[in-house]
Amino acid sequence: MQKILLLSDTHGFIDNKILNYCREADEVWHAGDIGNIKVTDKIKEVSKLRAVFGNIDDHTIRTEFPLDSIFTIEKMKVWITHIGGYPNRYDQRIKDKLINNPPDIFISGHSHILKVQFDKKLDLVHLNPGAVGNYGIHTVKTMLRFEIYQKKIKNLEVIEIEKRI
C-alpha cells in the first residue's frame, strides 16, 4: 500500500500546512507549475517526490523534472503531466498516446479546477488536484490524498487548505 498526496500549481508557494500533509505521505506527486525549485526541495526533505514541470516553470525546474512522468506503482500505471485536459477533452499533444496506451490513472494540473473523473472509454481515472498556491483562478487551495493498494485507489479525499489570499 502506498499513501499518496497529489498537488499542483504551487506557483512558488509552500508552507507548513502543506508540508505536514507531505510528511504523512509515502510519496508526493506534483502535477506542475512548481514556480520555484525551493518548493520541491522542501517537499523532498520530508517525503519522496515525483513531479513534472508546468508551463510557468523555469529552466532549473525543467532540467530537474520531466514534461511527463509515466511509472508503475502497486501494479497501476500512472501518467502525470501538467497540461493534459480531461475525459473527452484531452490535450492534442498526448491524446493519441493516451488512447493507444492508456494508464490506470491519468493526472494533470493547469486548470486550477479540482476534478476526479472516470473515463469509461479509456477505462482510467483522471485526477486534477486543483491548485494549492496563492496565484490563479481558484478560491480555495486544494490537494488530493489517497492510497493505492492491490491495483485500486482507496480512501480518496479532497483536502481543502484554506481560502486563497
Protein backbone atom coordinates (compact mmCIF):
# COMPACT_ATOMS: atom_id res chain seq x y z
CA MET A 1 0.00 0.00 0.00
CA GLN A 2 1.20 3.48 -0.86
CA LYS A 3 -0.16 6.71 0.63
CA ILE A 4 -0.12 9.45 -1.99
CA LEU A 5 -0.52 13.22 -1.70
CA LEU A 6 -1.29 14.84 -5.04
CA LEU A 7 -0.83 18.56 -5.55
CA SER A 8 -0.36 21.03 -8.36
CA ASP A 9 0.07 24.67 -9.20
CA THR A 10 2.03 25.78 -6.15
CA HIS A 11 3.37 28.75 -8.17
CA GLY A 12 6.30 29.12 -5.77
CA PHE A 13 4.25 28.73 -2.57
CA ILE A 14 4.74 26.11 0.13
CA ASP A 15 4.02 26.38 3.85
CA ASN A 16 3.96 24.18 6.94
CA LYS A 17 0.30 23.22 6.43
CA ILE A 18 1.14 21.66 3.08
CA LEU A 19 4.40 20.17 4.35
CA ASN A 20 2.58 18.49 7.23
CA TYR A 21 0.43 16.62 4.70
CA CYS A 22 3.58 15.79 2.73
CA ARG A 23 5.13 14.23 5.83
CA GLU A 24 2.17 11.83 6.14
CA ALA A 25 2.54 10.57 2.55
CA ASP A 26 4.75 7.78 1.25
CA GLU A 27 5.00 9.78 -1.97
CA VAL A 28 4.07 13.30 -3.03
CA TRP A 29 3.13 13.80 -6.67
CA HIS A 30 3.30 17.35 -8.07
CA ALA A 31 1.49 17.95 -11.38
CA GLY A 32 3.44 21.03 -12.46
CA ASP A 33 3.63 24.81 -12.21
CA ILE A 34 6.02 24.39 -9.31
CA GLY A 35 7.10 28.02 -9.63
CA ASN A 36 10.32 27.84 -7.59
CA ILE A 37 12.75 24.96 -7.06
CA LYS A 38 12.64 25.71 -3.32
CA VAL A 39 9.11 24.23 -3.26
CA THR A 40 10.26 20.81 -4.43
CA ASP A 41 13.43 20.99 -2.32
CA LYS A 42 11.29 21.42 0.80
CA ILE A 43 8.96 18.58 -0.19
CA LYS A 44 11.95 16.27 -0.79
CA GLU A 45 13.16 16.97 2.75
CA VAL A 46 10.02 15.30 4.18
CA SER A 47 8.83 12.77 1.56
CA LYS A 48 9.61 11.01 -1.70
CA LEU A 49 8.66 13.26 -4.63
CA ARG A 50 7.60 12.67 -8.23
CA ALA A 51 6.98 15.85 -10.22
CA VAL A 52 6.61 17.27 -13.72
CA PHE A 53 7.24 20.78 -14.93
CA GLY A 54 4.46 23.12 -15.96
CA ASN A 55 4.15 25.98 -18.40
CA ILE A 56 5.34 28.63 -15.91
CA ASP A 57 8.39 26.68 -14.73
CA ASP A 58 11.89 27.92 -15.48
CA HIS A 59 14.97 26.17 -16.87
CA THR A 60 16.10 24.96 -13.42
CA ILE A 61 12.83 23.14 -12.82
CA ARG A 62 12.66 21.86 -16.41
CA THR A 63 16.15 20.42 -16.03
CA GLU A 64 15.23 18.53 -12.85
CA PHE A 65 11.73 17.32 -13.76
CA PRO A 66 10.24 15.90 -16.99
CA LEU A 67 7.25 17.09 -19.02
CA ASP A 68 5.61 13.69 -18.48
CA SER A 69 6.16 11.13 -15.74
CA ILE A 70 4.94 7.63 -16.54
CA PHE A 71 5.54 4.91 -13.98
CA THR A 72 4.00 1.88 -12.29
CA ILE A 73 3.18 1.72 -8.60
CA GLU A 74 1.27 -1.08 -6.85
CA LYS A 75 0.63 -2.62 -10.31
CA MET A 76 -1.06 0.58 -11.54
CA LYS A 77 0.28 2.55 -14.48
CA VAL A 78 0.29 6.28 -13.74
CA TRP A 79 0.82 9.18 -16.14
CA ILE A 80 1.38 12.68 -14.74
CA THR A 81 1.61 15.77 -16.96
CA HIS A 82 0.76 19.41 -16.39
CA ILE A 83 -1.40 20.26 -19.40
CA GLY A 84 -3.38 17.13 -20.19
CA GLY A 85 -7.04 18.02 -20.40
CA TYR A 86 -9.69 15.65 -19.12
CA PRO A 87 -12.01 12.92 -20.42
CA ASN A 88 -13.41 13.72 -23.88
CA ARG A 89 -11.19 16.85 -24.00
CA TYR A 90 -7.60 15.60 -23.74
CA ASP A 91 -4.80 17.87 -24.91
CA GLN A 92 -3.81 17.28 -28.53
CA ARG A 93 -0.16 16.64 -27.58
CA ILE A 94 -0.99 13.49 -25.63
CA LYS A 95 -4.36 12.39 -26.98
CA ASP A 96 -3.17 9.67 -29.39
CA LYS A 97 -0.66 8.23 -26.90
CA LEU A 98 -3.32 8.21 -24.21
CA ILE A 99 -5.86 6.45 -26.44
CA ASN A 100 -3.35 3.86 -27.71
CA ASN A 101 -1.77 3.08 -24.34
CA PRO A 102 -3.98 4.37 -21.51
CA PRO A 103 -2.72 4.36 -17.94
CA ASP A 104 -4.84 3.31 -14.98
CA ILE A 105 -4.50 6.81 -13.51
CA PHE A 106 -4.09 9.97 -15.59
CA ILE A 107 -3.13 13.13 -13.69
CA SER A 108 -2.95 16.71 -14.87
CA GLY A 109 -2.93 20.15 -13.31
CA HIS A 110 -3.01 23.55 -15.03
CA SER A 111 -6.74 24.37 -14.81
CA HIS A 112 -6.74 25.07 -11.04
CA ILE A 113 -10.05 23.17 -11.03
CA LEU A 114 -10.24 20.07 -8.85
CA LYS A 115 -11.61 17.10 -10.80
CA VAL A 116 -11.96 13.41 -10.15
CA GLN A 117 -13.49 11.65 -13.15
CA PHE A 118 -13.71 8.15 -14.52
CA ASP A 119 -13.14 7.88 -18.27
CA LYS A 120 -15.31 4.95 -19.36
CA LYS A 121 -13.93 4.96 -22.92
CA LEU A 122 -10.33 4.57 -21.79
CA ASP A 123 -11.06 2.77 -18.50
CA LEU A 124 -8.95 5.17 -16.46
CA VAL A 125 -9.29 7.52 -13.51
CA HIS A 126 -8.50 11.16 -14.22
CA LEU A 127 -7.32 13.29 -11.30
CA ASN A 128 -6.66 17.01 -11.12
CA PRO A 129 -5.92 18.21 -7.57
CA GLY A 130 -6.83 21.82 -8.28
CA ALA A 131 -4.25 24.31 -7.01
CA VAL A 132 -2.55 24.84 -3.68
CA GLY A 133 -0.66 28.05 -4.44
CA ASN A 134 -1.64 31.68 -3.96
CA TYR A 135 -1.87 32.53 -7.67
CA GLY A 136 -4.70 31.66 -10.07
CA ILE A 137 -8.44 31.49 -10.52
CA HIS A 138 -9.15 29.12 -7.64
CA THR A 139 -10.64 30.48 -4.43
CA VAL A 140 -9.82 27.51 -2.18
CA LYS A 141 -6.45 25.74 -2.05
CA THR A 142 -6.95 22.02 -2.67
CA MET A 143 -4.99 18.77 -2.82
CA LEU A 144 -5.96 15.11 -3.11
CA ARG A 145 -4.91 12.32 -0.78
CA PHE A 146 -5.44 8.62 -1.48
CA GLU A 147 -3.99 5.16 -1.13
CA ILE A 148 -3.07 2.73 -3.86
CA TYR A 149 -3.40 -0.90 -2.89
CA GLN A 150 -3.75 -4.04 -4.99
CA LYS A 151 -4.42 -2.10 -8.21
CA LYS A 152 -7.11 0.06 -6.62
CA ILE A 153 -7.44 3.62 -5.40
CA LYS A 154 -8.77 3.68 -1.87
CA ASN A 155 -9.72 6.34 0.68
CA LEU A 156 -9.63 9.20 -1.83
CA GLU A 157 -10.21 12.53 -0.12
CA VAL A 158 -10.16 16.19 -1.03
CA ILE A 159 -8.05 18.34 1.26
CA GLU A 160 -9.12 21.96 1.41
CA ILE A 161 -6.34 24.01 2.96
CA GLU A 162 -7.89 27.47 3.10
CA LYS A 163 -9.23 30.28 1.01
CA ARG A 164 -6.56 31.70 -1.27
CA ILE A 165 -5.11 35.04 -0.19
